[in-house]
């Protein structure tokens, strides 16, 4: 899961690749292991830069997880 997540985020055009991607496991949910993914984005002092990058990250993570049979519990 960590490598799938990291690769999906590293492929985003909005990130600052030299800063890397920080992936950590945070704890356990009722039927999951919770995680945090942090990455740095090219920011031009507009909130939309962050929101666009976050939107793309979520879309790409979902695609990558589906392609690798990683399920998200609800």
C-alpha atoms as a PDB file:
ATOM      1  CA  UNK A   1       0.000   0.000   0.000  1.00  0.00           C
ATOM      2  CA  UNK A   2       2.771   2.442   0.867  1.00  0.00           C
ATOM      3  CA  UNK A   3       4.544   2.113  -2.483  1.00  0.00           C
ATOM      4  CA  UNK A   4       1.268   2.328  -4.465  1.00  0.00           C
ATOM      5  CA  UNK A   5       0.277   5.463  -2.555  1.00  0.00           C
ATOM      6  CA  UNK A   6       3.661   7.120  -2.846  1.00  0.00           C
ATOM      7  CA  UNK A   7       3.967   6.432  -6.587  1.00  0.00           C
ATOM      8  CA  UNK A   8       0.490   7.813  -7.267  1.00  0.00           C
ATOM      9  CA  UNK A   9       1.276  11.050  -5.436  1.00  0.00           C
ATOM     10  CA  UNK A  10       4.748  11.417  -6.956  1.00  0.00           C
ATOM     11  CA  UNK A  11       3.158  11.374 -10.434  1.00  0.00           C
ATOM     12  CA  UNK A  12       1.073  14.489  -9.748  1.00  0.00           C
ATOM     13  CA  UNK A  13       2.229  17.540 -11.712  1.00  0.00           C
ATOM     14  CA  UNK A  14       1.318  19.868  -8.834  1.00  0.00           C
ATOM     15  CA  UNK A  15       3.796  18.511  -6.304  1.00  0.00           C
ATOM     16  CA  UNK A  16       7.286  19.680  -5.489  1.00  0.00           C
ATOM     17  CA  UNK A  17       9.061  16.400  -6.150  1.00  0.00           C
ATOM     18  CA  UNK A  18      12.304  17.405  -4.441  1.00  0.00           C
ATOM     19  CA  UNK A  19      10.444  17.532  -1.100  1.00  0.00           C
ATOM     20  CA  UNK A  20       9.259  13.929  -1.383  1.00  0.00           C
ATOM     21  CA  UNK A  21       6.102  12.284  -0.073  1.00  0.00           C
ATOM     22  CA  UNK A  22       5.592  11.508   3.603  1.00  0.00           C
ATOM     23  CA  UNK A  23       3.521   8.374   4.264  1.00  0.00           C
ATOM     24  CA  UNK A  24       2.744   7.286   7.827  1.00  0.00           C
ATOM     25  CA  UNK A  25       0.386   4.821   9.461  1.00  0.00           C
ATOM     26  CA  UNK A  26      -1.554   6.583  12.234  1.00  0.00           C
ATOM     27  CA  UNK A  27      -3.509   3.906  14.010  1.00  0.00           C
ATOM     28  CA  UNK A  28      -6.357   1.454  13.745  1.00  0.00           C
ATOM     29  CA  UNK A  29      -9.997   2.098  12.853  1.00  0.00           C
ATOM     30  CA  UNK A  30     -12.848  -0.362  13.385  1.00  0.00           C
ATOM     31  CA  UNK A  31     -11.983  -2.222  10.178  1.00  0.00           C
ATOM     32  CA  UNK A  32      -8.997  -0.338   8.829  1.00  0.00           C
ATOM     33  CA  UNK A  33      -5.491   0.923   9.361  1.00  0.00           C
ATOM     34  CA  UNK A  34      -5.499   4.709   9.177  1.00  0.00           C
ATOM     35  CA  UNK A  35      -2.804   6.538   7.267  1.00  0.00           C
ATOM     36  CA  UNK A  36      -1.658  10.030   6.433  1.00  0.00           C
ATOM     37  CA  UNK A  37      -0.030  11.136   3.203  1.00  0.00           C
ATOM     38  CA  UNK A  38       1.673  14.521   3.094  1.00  0.00           C
ATOM     39  CA  UNK A  39       3.129  16.174   0.060  1.00  0.00           C
ATOM     40  CA  UNK A  40       4.191  19.668  -0.891  1.00  0.00           C
ATOM     41  CA  UNK A  41       2.500  21.529  -3.727  1.00  0.00           C
ATOM     42  CA  UNK A  42       3.485  24.358  -6.019  1.00  0.00           C
ATOM     43  CA  UNK A  43       1.692  27.211  -4.310  1.00  0.00           C
ATOM     44  CA  UNK A  44       1.140  30.631  -5.856  1.00  0.00           C
ATOM     45  CA  UNK A  45      -0.552  32.153  -2.816  1.00  0.00           C
ATOM     46  CA  UNK A  46      -3.973  31.021  -3.933  1.00  0.00           C
ATOM     47  CA  UNK A  47      -6.009  28.527  -1.951  1.00  0.00           C
ATOM     48  CA  UNK A  48      -7.164  26.934  -5.188  1.00  0.00           C
ATOM     49  CA  UNK A  49      -3.630  25.607  -5.817  1.00  0.00           C
ATOM     50  CA  UNK A  50      -3.900  23.439  -2.717  1.00  0.00           C
ATOM     51  CA  UNK A  51      -7.493  22.414  -3.429  1.00  0.00           C
ATOM     52  CA  UNK A  52      -6.710  21.412  -7.025  1.00  0.00           C
ATOM     53  CA  UNK A  53      -3.723  19.339  -5.895  1.00  0.00           C
ATOM     54  CA  UNK A  54      -5.789  17.661  -3.171  1.00  0.00           C
ATOM     55  CA  UNK A  55      -8.549  16.860  -5.660  1.00  0.00           C
ATOM     56  CA  UNK A  56      -6.084  15.322  -8.121  1.00  0.00           C
ATOM     57  CA  UNK A  57      -4.420  13.348  -5.327  1.00  0.00           C
ATOM     58  CA  UNK A  58      -7.693  11.795  -4.202  1.00  0.00           C
ATOM     59  CA  UNK A  59      -8.662  10.873  -7.768  1.00  0.00           C
ATOM     60  CA  UNK A  60      -5.269   9.327  -8.511  1.00  0.00           C
ATOM     61  CA  UNK A  61      -5.163   7.443  -5.205  1.00  0.00           C
ATOM     62  CA  UNK A  62      -8.576   5.911  -5.886  1.00  0.00           C
ATOM     63  CA  UNK A  63      -7.444   4.820  -9.370  1.00  0.00           C
ATOM     64  CA  UNK A  64      -4.203   3.366  -8.043  1.00  0.00           C
ATOM     65  CA  UNK A  65      -5.968   1.522  -5.238  1.00  0.00           C
ATOM     66  CA  UNK A  66      -8.558   0.075  -7.624  1.00  0.00           C
ATOM     67  CA  UNK A  67      -5.818  -1.091 -10.009  1.00  0.00           C
ATOM     68  CA  UNK A  68      -4.007  -2.800  -7.123  1.00  0.00           C
ATOM     69  CA  UNK A  69      -7.039  -4.354  -5.392  1.00  0.00           C
ATOM     70  CA  UNK A  70      -6.691  -2.139  -2.324  1.00  0.00           C
ATOM     71  CA  UNK A  71     -10.111  -1.559  -0.799  1.00  0.00           C
ATOM     72  CA  UNK A  72     -11.215   1.419   1.255  1.00  0.00           C
ATOM     73  CA  UNK A  73     -13.534   0.396   4.119  1.00  0.00           C
ATOM     74  CA  UNK A  74     -16.669   2.399   4.787  1.00  0.00           C
END
